[in-house]
Every structure is written in structure tokens, then in C-alpha cells.
Full PDB file with SEQRES, HELIX, SHEET, SSBOND, CRYST1, ORIGX, SCALE, CONECT and MASTER records, all heavy atoms in Angstrom:
SEQRES   1 A   31  MET ILE ASP ALA GLN ARG ARG ARG GLN ALA GLU GLN VAL          
SEQRES   2 A   31  VAL GLU ARG PHE GLN TRP ILE GLY ALA GLY VAL VAL VAL          
SEQRES   3 A   31  VAL THR PRO LEU PRO                                          
HELIX    1 AA1 ILE A    2  VAL A   27  1                                  26    
CRYST1    1.000    1.000    1.000  90.00  90.00  90.00 P 1           1          
ORIGX1      1.000000  0.000000  0.000000        0.00000                         
ORIGX2      0.000000  1.000000  0.000000        0.00000                         
ORIGX3      0.000000  0.000000  1.000000        0.00000                         
SCALE1      1.000000  0.000000  0.000000        0.00000                         
SCALE2      0.000000  1.000000  0.000000        0.00000                         
SCALE3      0.000000  0.000000  1.000000        0.00000                         
ATOM      1  N   MET A   1      10.623 185.833  53.427  1.00  0.00           N  
ATOM      2  CA  MET A   1      10.890 184.320  53.444  1.00  0.00           C  
ATOM      3  C   MET A   1       9.673 183.618  53.939  1.00  0.00           C  
ATOM      4  O   MET A   1       9.369 182.527  53.392  1.00  0.00           O  
ATOM      5  CB  MET A   1      12.131 184.027  54.311  1.00  0.00           C  
ATOM      6  CG  MET A   1      13.432 184.417  53.616  1.00  0.00           C  
ATOM      7  SD  MET A   1      14.878 183.759  54.592  1.00  0.00           S  
ATOM      8  CE  MET A   1      16.167 184.306  53.553  1.00  0.00           C  
ATOM      9  N   ILE A   2       9.168 184.138  55.076  1.00  0.00           N  
ATOM     10  CA  ILE A   2       7.992 183.474  55.585  1.00  0.00           C  
ATOM     11  C   ILE A   2       6.756 183.507  54.704  1.00  0.00           C  
ATOM     12  O   ILE A   2       6.059 182.530  54.520  1.00  0.00           O  
ATOM     13  CB  ILE A   2       7.629 184.099  57.034  1.00  0.00           C  
ATOM     14  CG1 ILE A   2       8.679 183.877  58.027  1.00  0.00           C  
ATOM     15  CG2 ILE A   2       6.261 183.615  57.469  1.00  0.00           C  
ATOM     16  CD1 ILE A   2       8.508 184.553  59.315  1.00  0.00           C  
ATOM     17  N   ASP A   3       6.640 184.682  53.988  1.00  0.00           N  
ATOM     18  CA  ASP A   3       5.539 184.817  53.075  1.00  0.00           C  
ATOM     19  C   ASP A   3       5.694 183.805  51.955  1.00  0.00           C  
ATOM     20  O   ASP A   3       4.736 183.159  51.450  1.00  0.00           O  
ATOM     21  CB  ASP A   3       5.446 186.236  52.535  1.00  0.00           C  
ATOM     22  CG  ASP A   3       4.370 186.454  51.584  1.00  0.00           C  
ATOM     23  OD1 ASP A   3       3.146 186.310  51.945  1.00  0.00           O  
ATOM     24  OD2 ASP A   3       4.575 186.824  50.371  1.00  0.00           O  
ATOM     25  N   ALA A   4       6.915 183.707  51.416  1.00  0.00           N  
ATOM     26  CA  ALA A   4       7.216 182.748  50.308  1.00  0.00           C  
ATOM     27  C   ALA A   4       6.910 181.257  50.788  1.00  0.00           C  
ATOM     28  O   ALA A   4       6.323 180.458  50.039  1.00  0.00           O  
ATOM     29  CB  ALA A   4       8.596 182.919  49.829  1.00  0.00           C  
ATOM     30  N   GLN A   5       7.363 181.017  51.973  1.00  0.00           N  
ATOM     31  CA  GLN A   5       7.154 179.664  52.578  1.00  0.00           C  
ATOM     32  C   GLN A   5       5.680 179.353  52.680  1.00  0.00           C  
ATOM     33  O   GLN A   5       5.164 178.246  52.274  1.00  0.00           O  
ATOM     34  CB  GLN A   5       7.839 179.601  53.952  1.00  0.00           C  
ATOM     35  CG  GLN A   5       7.594 178.317  54.727  1.00  0.00           C  
ATOM     36  CD  GLN A   5       8.308 178.371  56.061  1.00  0.00           C  
ATOM     37  OE1 GLN A   5       9.531 178.374  56.133  1.00  0.00           O  
ATOM     38  NE2 GLN A   5       7.565 178.376  57.074  1.00  0.00           N  
ATOM     39  N   ARG A   6       4.950 180.288  53.239  1.00  0.00           N  
ATOM     40  CA  ARG A   6       3.545 180.103  53.429  1.00  0.00           C  
ATOM     41  C   ARG A   6       2.790 179.970  52.052  1.00  0.00           C  
ATOM     42  O   ARG A   6       1.783 179.177  51.898  1.00  0.00           O  
ATOM     43  CB  ARG A   6       2.900 181.359  54.144  1.00  0.00           C  
ATOM     44  CG  ARG A   6       3.185 181.318  55.617  1.00  0.00           C  
ATOM     45  CD  ARG A   6       2.714 182.622  56.282  1.00  0.00           C  
ATOM     46  NE  ARG A   6       2.763 182.545  57.713  1.00  0.00           N  
ATOM     47  CZ  ARG A   6       2.581 183.577  58.521  1.00  0.00           C  
ATOM     48  NH1 ARG A   6       2.267 184.777  58.000  1.00  0.00           N  
ATOM     49  NH2 ARG A   6       2.657 183.428  59.775  1.00  0.00           N  
ATOM     50  N   ARG A   7       3.225 180.811  51.066  1.00  0.00           N  
ATOM     51  CA  ARG A   7       2.557 180.691  49.718  1.00  0.00           C  
ATOM     52  C   ARG A   7       2.782 179.306  49.122  1.00  0.00           C  
ATOM     53  O   ARG A   7       1.868 178.681  48.586  1.00  0.00           O  
ATOM     54  CB  ARG A   7       3.205 181.768  48.735  1.00  0.00           C  
ATOM     55  CG  ARG A   7       2.601 181.773  47.421  1.00  0.00           C  
ATOM     56  CD  ARG A   7       3.261 182.797  46.560  1.00  0.00           C  
ATOM     57  NE  ARG A   7       2.912 184.097  46.894  1.00  0.00           N  
ATOM     58  CZ  ARG A   7       1.784 184.703  46.492  1.00  0.00           C  
ATOM     59  NH1 ARG A   7       1.032 184.158  45.655  1.00  0.00           N  
ATOM     60  NH2 ARG A   7       1.586 186.023  46.830  1.00  0.00           N  
ATOM     61  N   ARG A   8       3.999 178.811  49.257  1.00  0.00           N  
ATOM     62  CA  ARG A   8       4.246 177.439  48.700  1.00  0.00           C  
ATOM     63  C   ARG A   8       3.362 176.387  49.386  1.00  0.00           C  
ATOM     64  O   ARG A   8       2.785 175.548  48.745  1.00  0.00           O  
ATOM     65  CB  ARG A   8       5.778 177.053  48.913  1.00  0.00           C  
ATOM     66  CG  ARG A   8       6.735 177.772  48.033  1.00  0.00           C  
ATOM     67  CD  ARG A   8       8.081 177.127  48.082  1.00  0.00           C  
ATOM     68  NE  ARG A   8       8.675 177.203  49.423  1.00  0.00           N  
ATOM     69  CZ  ARG A   8       9.403 178.207  49.830  1.00  0.00           C  
ATOM     70  NH1 ARG A   8       9.619 179.275  49.135  1.00  0.00           N  
ATOM     71  NH2 ARG A   8       9.898 178.154  51.104  1.00  0.00           N  
ATOM     72  N   GLN A   9       3.240 176.473  50.697  1.00  0.00           N  
ATOM     73  CA  GLN A   9       2.423 175.552  51.500  1.00  0.00           C  
ATOM     74  C   GLN A   9       0.930 175.700  51.017  1.00  0.00           C  
ATOM     75  O   GLN A   9       0.198 174.711  50.846  1.00  0.00           O  
ATOM     76  CB  GLN A   9       2.538 175.749  52.955  1.00  0.00           C  
ATOM     77  CG  GLN A   9       3.916 175.482  53.552  1.00  0.00           C  
ATOM     78  CD  GLN A   9       4.112 175.851  54.963  1.00  0.00           C  
ATOM     79  OE1 GLN A   9       3.337 176.658  55.415  1.00  0.00           O  
ATOM     80  NE2 GLN A   9       5.040 175.345  55.661  1.00  0.00           N  
ATOM     81  N   ALA A  10       0.464 176.950  50.875  1.00  0.00           N  
ATOM     82  CA  ALA A  10      -0.907 177.187  50.537  1.00  0.00           C  
ATOM     83  C   ALA A  10      -1.184 176.736  49.086  1.00  0.00           C  
ATOM     84  O   ALA A  10      -2.247 176.157  48.808  1.00  0.00           O  
ATOM     85  CB  ALA A  10      -1.274 178.698  50.630  1.00  0.00           C  
ATOM     86  N   GLU A  11      -0.229 176.946  48.251  1.00  0.00           N  
ATOM     87  CA  GLU A  11      -0.488 176.445  46.850  1.00  0.00           C  
ATOM     88  C   GLU A  11      -0.454 174.939  46.711  1.00  0.00           C  
ATOM     89  O   GLU A  11      -1.201 174.323  45.910  1.00  0.00           O  
ATOM     90  CB  GLU A  11       0.703 176.957  45.955  1.00  0.00           C  
ATOM     91  CG  GLU A  11       0.538 178.484  45.633  1.00  0.00           C  
ATOM     92  CD  GLU A  11       1.769 178.966  44.872  1.00  0.00           C  
ATOM     93  OE1 GLU A  11       2.720 178.335  44.713  1.00  0.00           O  
ATOM     94  OE2 GLU A  11       1.675 180.166  44.367  1.00  0.00           O  
ATOM     95  N   GLN A  12       0.242 174.237  47.624  1.00  0.00           N  
ATOM     96  CA  GLN A  12       0.169 172.803  47.685  1.00  0.00           C  
ATOM     97  C   GLN A  12      -1.259 172.341  48.118  1.00  0.00           C  
ATOM     98  O   GLN A  12      -1.821 171.397  47.646  1.00  0.00           O  
ATOM     99  CB  GLN A  12       1.180 172.270  48.632  1.00  0.00           C  
ATOM    100  CG  GLN A  12       2.580 172.369  48.175  1.00  0.00           C  
ATOM    101  CD  GLN A  12       3.663 172.009  49.137  1.00  0.00           C  
ATOM    102  OE1 GLN A  12       3.277 171.623  50.269  1.00  0.00           O  
ATOM    103  NE2 GLN A  12       4.937 172.015  48.806  1.00  0.00           N  
ATOM    104  N   VAL A  13      -1.857 173.102  49.077  1.00  0.00           N  
ATOM    105  CA  VAL A  13      -3.198 172.827  49.511  1.00  0.00           C  
ATOM    106  C   VAL A  13      -4.135 173.059  48.349  1.00  0.00           C  
ATOM    107  O   VAL A  13      -5.089 172.229  48.093  1.00  0.00           O  
ATOM    108  CB  VAL A  13      -3.593 173.729  50.742  1.00  0.00           C  
ATOM    109  CG1 VAL A  13      -5.085 173.653  51.058  1.00  0.00           C  
ATOM    110  CG2 VAL A  13      -2.741 173.412  51.910  1.00  0.00           C  
ATOM    111  N   VAL A  14      -4.031 174.132  47.656  1.00  0.00           N  
ATOM    112  CA  VAL A  14      -4.930 174.417  46.501  1.00  0.00           C  
ATOM    113  C   VAL A  14      -4.803 173.389  45.501  1.00  0.00           C  
ATOM    114  O   VAL A  14      -5.853 172.894  44.924  1.00  0.00           O  
ATOM    115  CB  VAL A  14      -4.533 175.810  45.892  1.00  0.00           C  
ATOM    116  CG1 VAL A  14      -5.407 176.042  44.565  1.00  0.00           C  
ATOM    117  CG2 VAL A  14      -4.828 176.964  46.861  1.00  0.00           C  
ATOM    118  N   GLU A  15      -3.584 172.950  45.126  1.00  0.00           N  
ATOM    119  CA  GLU A  15      -3.414 171.846  44.163  1.00  0.00           C  
ATOM    120  C   GLU A  15      -4.085 170.627  44.560  1.00  0.00           C  
ATOM    121  O   GLU A  15      -4.751 169.842  43.806  1.00  0.00           O  
ATOM    122  CB  GLU A  15      -1.958 171.691  43.874  1.00  0.00           C  
ATOM    123  CG  GLU A  15      -1.667 170.593  42.767  1.00  0.00           C  
ATOM    124  CD  GLU A  15      -0.239 170.517  42.374  1.00  0.00           C  
ATOM    125  OE1 GLU A  15       0.653 171.099  43.087  1.00  0.00           O  
ATOM    126  OE2 GLU A  15       0.107 169.750  41.383  1.00  0.00           O  
ATOM    127  N   ARG A  16      -3.919 170.230  45.857  1.00  0.00           N  
ATOM    128  CA  ARG A  16      -4.590 168.989  46.339  1.00  0.00           C  
ATOM    129  C   ARG A  16      -6.117 169.087  46.199  1.00  0.00           C  
ATOM    130  O   ARG A  16      -6.724 168.135  45.675  1.00  0.00           O  
ATOM    131  CB  ARG A  16      -4.141 168.782  47.807  1.00  0.00           C  
ATOM    132  CG  ARG A  16      -4.818 167.603  48.454  1.00  0.00           C  
ATOM    133  CD  ARG A  16      -4.022 167.173  49.650  1.00  0.00           C  
ATOM    134  NE  ARG A  16      -3.767 168.278  50.578  1.00  0.00           N  
ATOM    135  CZ  ARG A  16      -4.637 168.616  51.512  1.00  0.00           C  
ATOM    136  NH1 ARG A  16      -5.723 167.976  51.827  1.00  0.00           N  
ATOM    137  NH2 ARG A  16      -4.297 169.614  52.403  1.00  0.00           N  
ATOM    138  N   PHE A  17      -6.670 170.224  46.660  1.00  0.00           N  
ATOM    139  CA  PHE A  17      -8.143 170.298  46.540  1.00  0.00           C  
ATOM    140  C   PHE A  17      -8.735 170.512  45.199  1.00  0.00           C  
ATOM    141  O   PHE A  17      -9.835 170.192  44.951  1.00  0.00           O  
ATOM    142  CB  PHE A  17      -8.581 171.456  47.468  1.00  0.00           C  
ATOM    143  CG  PHE A  17      -8.732 171.036  48.997  1.00  0.00           C  
ATOM    144  CD1 PHE A  17      -7.679 171.234  49.859  1.00  0.00           C  
ATOM    145  CD2 PHE A  17      -9.842 170.353  49.460  1.00  0.00           C  
ATOM    146  CE1 PHE A  17      -7.734 170.886  51.175  1.00  0.00           C  
ATOM    147  CE2 PHE A  17      -9.988 169.984  50.750  1.00  0.00           C  
ATOM    148  CZ  PHE A  17      -8.932 170.201  51.627  1.00  0.00           C  
ATOM    149  N   GLN A  18      -7.894 171.149  44.283  1.00  0.00           N  
ATOM    150  CA  GLN A  18      -8.498 171.305  42.948  1.00  0.00           C  
ATOM    151  C   GLN A  18      -8.679 169.952  42.254  1.00  0.00           C  
ATOM    152  O   GLN A  18      -9.751 169.755  41.607  1.00  0.00           O  
ATOM    153  CB  GLN A  18      -7.564 172.177  42.151  1.00  0.00           C  
ATOM    154  CG  GLN A  18      -6.216 171.580  41.673  1.00  0.00           C  
ATOM    155  CD  GLN A  18      -5.333 172.640  40.996  1.00  0.00           C  
ATOM    156  OE1 GLN A  18      -5.497 173.796  41.146  1.00  0.00           O  
ATOM    157  NE2 GLN A  18      -4.402 172.130  40.197  1.00  0.00           N  
ATOM    158  N   TRP A  19      -7.746 168.993  42.474  1.00  0.00           N  
ATOM    159  CA  TRP A  19      -8.033 167.636  41.832  1.00  0.00           C  
ATOM    160  C   TRP A  19      -9.037 166.810  42.619  1.00  0.00           C  
ATOM    161  O   TRP A  19      -9.706 165.959  42.012  1.00  0.00           O  
ATOM    162  CB  TRP A  19      -6.707 166.904  41.714  1.00  0.00           C  
ATOM    163  CG  TRP A  19      -5.660 167.717  40.901  1.00  0.00           C  
ATOM    164  CD1 TRP A  19      -4.439 168.201  41.287  1.00  0.00           C  
ATOM    165  CD2 TRP A  19      -5.871 168.244  39.494  1.00  0.00           C  
ATOM    166  NE1 TRP A  19      -3.838 168.824  40.289  1.00  0.00           N  
ATOM    167  CE2 TRP A  19      -4.670 168.875  39.167  1.00  0.00           C  
ATOM    168  CE3 TRP A  19      -6.898 168.147  38.630  1.00  0.00           C  
ATOM    169  CZ2 TRP A  19      -4.564 169.457  37.863  1.00  0.00           C  
ATOM    170  CZ3 TRP A  19      -6.754 168.716  37.389  1.00  0.00           C  
ATOM    171  CH2 TRP A  19      -5.649 169.381  37.071  1.00  0.00           C  
ATOM    172  N   ILE A  20      -9.133 167.047  43.938  1.00  0.00           N  
ATOM    173  CA  ILE A  20     -10.151 166.441  44.719  1.00  0.00           C  
ATOM    174  C   ILE A  20     -11.571 166.902  44.156  1.00  0.00           C  
ATOM    175  O   ILE A  20     -12.483 166.037  43.933  1.00  0.00           O  
ATOM    176  CB  ILE A  20     -10.040 166.721  46.177  1.00  0.00           C  
ATOM    177  CG1 ILE A  20      -8.829 165.948  46.784  1.00  0.00           C  
ATOM    178  CG2 ILE A  20     -11.329 166.376  46.925  1.00  0.00           C  
ATOM    179  CD1 ILE A  20      -8.613 166.435  48.233  1.00  0.00           C  
ATOM    180  N   GLY A  21     -11.692 168.207  43.949  1.00  0.00           N  
ATOM    181  CA  GLY A  21     -12.885 168.755  43.436  1.00  0.00           C  
ATOM    182  C   GLY A  21     -13.274 168.163  42.076  1.00  0.00           C  
ATOM    183  O   GLY A  21     -14.424 167.861  41.681  1.00  0.00           O  
ATOM    184  N   ALA A  22     -12.177 168.035  41.178  1.00  0.00           N  
ATOM    185  CA  ALA A  22     -12.386 167.566  39.811  1.00  0.00           C  
ATOM    186  C   ALA A  22     -12.915 166.055  39.940  1.00  0.00           C  
ATOM    187  O   ALA A  22     -13.865 165.732  39.164  1.00  0.00           O  
ATOM    188  CB  ALA A  22     -11.077 167.550  39.079  1.00  0.00           C  
ATOM    189  N   GLY A  23     -12.320 165.304  40.857  1.00  0.00           N  
ATOM    190  CA  GLY A  23     -12.741 163.948  40.938  1.00  0.00           C  
ATOM    191  C   GLY A  23     -14.211 163.742  41.475  1.00  0.00           C  
ATOM    192  O   GLY A  23     -15.020 162.953  40.941  1.00  0.00           O  
ATOM    193  N   VAL A  24     -14.574 164.690  42.358  1.00  0.00           N  
ATOM    194  CA  VAL A  24     -15.965 164.705  42.850  1.00  0.00           C  
ATOM    195  C   VAL A  24     -17.002 165.012  41.731  1.00  0.00           C  
ATOM    196  O   VAL A  24     -18.046 164.328  41.606  1.00  0.00           O  
ATOM    197  CB  VAL A  24     -16.150 165.685  44.036  1.00  0.00           C  
ATOM    198  CG1 VAL A  24     -17.617 165.763  44.435  1.00  0.00           C  
ATOM    199  CG2 VAL A  24     -15.350 165.148  45.275  1.00  0.00           C  
ATOM    200  N   VAL A  25     -16.689 166.009  41.037  1.00  0.00           N  
ATOM    201  CA  VAL A  25     -17.524 166.397  39.947  1.00  0.00           C  
ATOM    202  C   VAL A  25     -17.701 165.367  38.832  1.00  0.00           C  
ATOM    203  O   VAL A  25     -18.756 165.071  38.274  1.00  0.00           O  
ATOM    204  CB  VAL A  25     -17.122 167.858  39.291  1.00  0.00           C  
ATOM    205  CG1 VAL A  25     -17.959 168.083  38.094  1.00  0.00           C  
ATOM    206  CG2 VAL A  25     -17.326 168.879  40.379  1.00  0.00           C  
ATOM    207  N   VAL A  26     -16.593 164.716  38.520  1.00  0.00           N  
ATOM    208  CA  VAL A  26     -16.620 163.684  37.542  1.00  0.00           C  
ATOM    209  C   VAL A  26     -17.451 162.502  37.865  1.00  0.00           C  
ATOM    210  O   VAL A  26     -18.243 161.932  37.134  1.00  0.00           O  
ATOM    211  CB  VAL A  26     -15.151 163.181  37.223  1.00  0.00           C  
ATOM    212  CG1 VAL A  26     -15.173 161.904  36.450  1.00  0.00           C  
ATOM    213  CG2 VAL A  26     -14.394 164.240  36.430  1.00  0.00           C  
ATOM    214  N   VAL A  27     -17.426 162.216  39.180  1.00  0.00           N  
ATOM    215  CA  VAL A  27     -18.253 161.056  39.693  1.00  0.00           C  
ATOM    216  C   VAL A  27     -19.670 161.371  39.804  1.00  0.00           C  
ATOM    217  O   VAL A  27     -20.531 160.623  39.531  1.00  0.00           O  
ATOM    218  CB  VAL A  27     -17.723 160.630  41.122  1.00  0.00           C  
ATOM    219  CG1 VAL A  27     -18.605 159.646  41.728  1.00  0.00           C  
ATOM    220  CG2 VAL A  27     -16.297 160.132  40.995  1.00  0.00           C  
ATOM    221  N   THR A  28     -20.013 162.696  40.222  1.00  0.00           N  
ATOM    222  CA  THR A  28     -21.338 163.168  40.271  1.00  0.00           C  
ATOM    223  C   THR A  28     -21.587 164.412  39.423  1.00  0.00           C  
ATOM    224  O   THR A  28     -21.508 165.543  39.950  1.00  0.00           O  
ATOM    225  CB  THR A  28     -21.671 163.511  41.717  1.00  0.00           C  
ATOM    226  OG1 THR A  28     -20.748 164.404  42.244  1.00  0.00           O  
ATOM    227  CG2 THR A  28     -21.654 162.271  42.590  1.00  0.00           C  
ATOM    228  N   PRO A  29     -21.668 164.225  38.028  1.00  0.00           N  
ATOM    229  CA  PRO A  29     -21.836 165.416  37.198  1.00  0.00           C  
ATOM    230  C   PRO A  29     -23.042 166.189  37.563  1.00  0.00           C  
ATOM    231  O   PRO A  29     -24.047 165.747  38.109  1.00  0.00           O  
ATOM    232  CB  PRO A  29     -21.990 164.739  35.776  1.00  0.00           C  
ATOM    233  CG  PRO A  29     -22.470 163.343  36.053  1.00  0.00           C  
ATOM    234  CD  PRO A  29     -21.812 162.927  37.392  1.00  0.00           C  
ATOM    235  N   LEU A  30     -22.897 167.584  37.315  1.00  0.00           N  
ATOM    236  CA  LEU A  30     -23.959 168.519  37.735  1.00  0.00           C  
ATOM    237  C   LEU A  30     -24.856 168.706  36.489  1.00  0.00           C  
ATOM    238  O   LEU A  30     -24.496 168.739  35.324  1.00  0.00           O  
ATOM    239  CB  LEU A  30     -23.302 169.828  38.163  1.00  0.00           C  
ATOM    240  CG  LEU A  30     -22.362 169.656  39.301  1.00  0.00           C  
ATOM    241  CD1 LEU A  30     -21.574 170.942  39.527  1.00  0.00           C  
ATOM    242  CD2 LEU A  30     -23.074 169.306  40.560  1.00  0.00           C  
ATOM    243  N   PRO A  31     -26.152 168.991  36.786  1.00  0.00           N  
ATOM    244  CA  PRO A  31     -27.135 169.362  35.688  1.00  0.00           C  
ATOM    245  C   PRO A  31     -26.936 170.671  35.072  1.00  0.00           C  
ATOM    246  O   PRO A  31     -27.357 170.856  33.952  1.00  0.00           O  
ATOM    247  CB  PRO A  31     -28.463 169.305  36.485  1.00  0.00           C  
ATOM    248  CG  PRO A  31     -28.199 169.605  37.931  1.00  0.00           C  
ATOM    249  CD  PRO A  31     -26.773 169.036  38.187  1.00  0.00           C  
TER     250      PRO A  31                                                      
MASTER        0    0    0    1    0    0    0    6  249    1    0    3          
END                                                                             
């Protein structure tokens, strides 16, 4: 149960940062 709870919390962190990363790259495209 604890592992499933931690996984859900960690996946929420990943989802938040994946779209943050997308926004940063869109604003400052890489060569």
C-alpha cells in the first residue's frame, strides 16, 4: 500500500515536471 501510494505521488511529480520541461524548451528552442 505504501509503495502504491508513493508511486502515485511520484508519478504526479513526474507529470508536473514533464510539462514544465516542455514549456521551457518551447520558449527557448535548442539548436
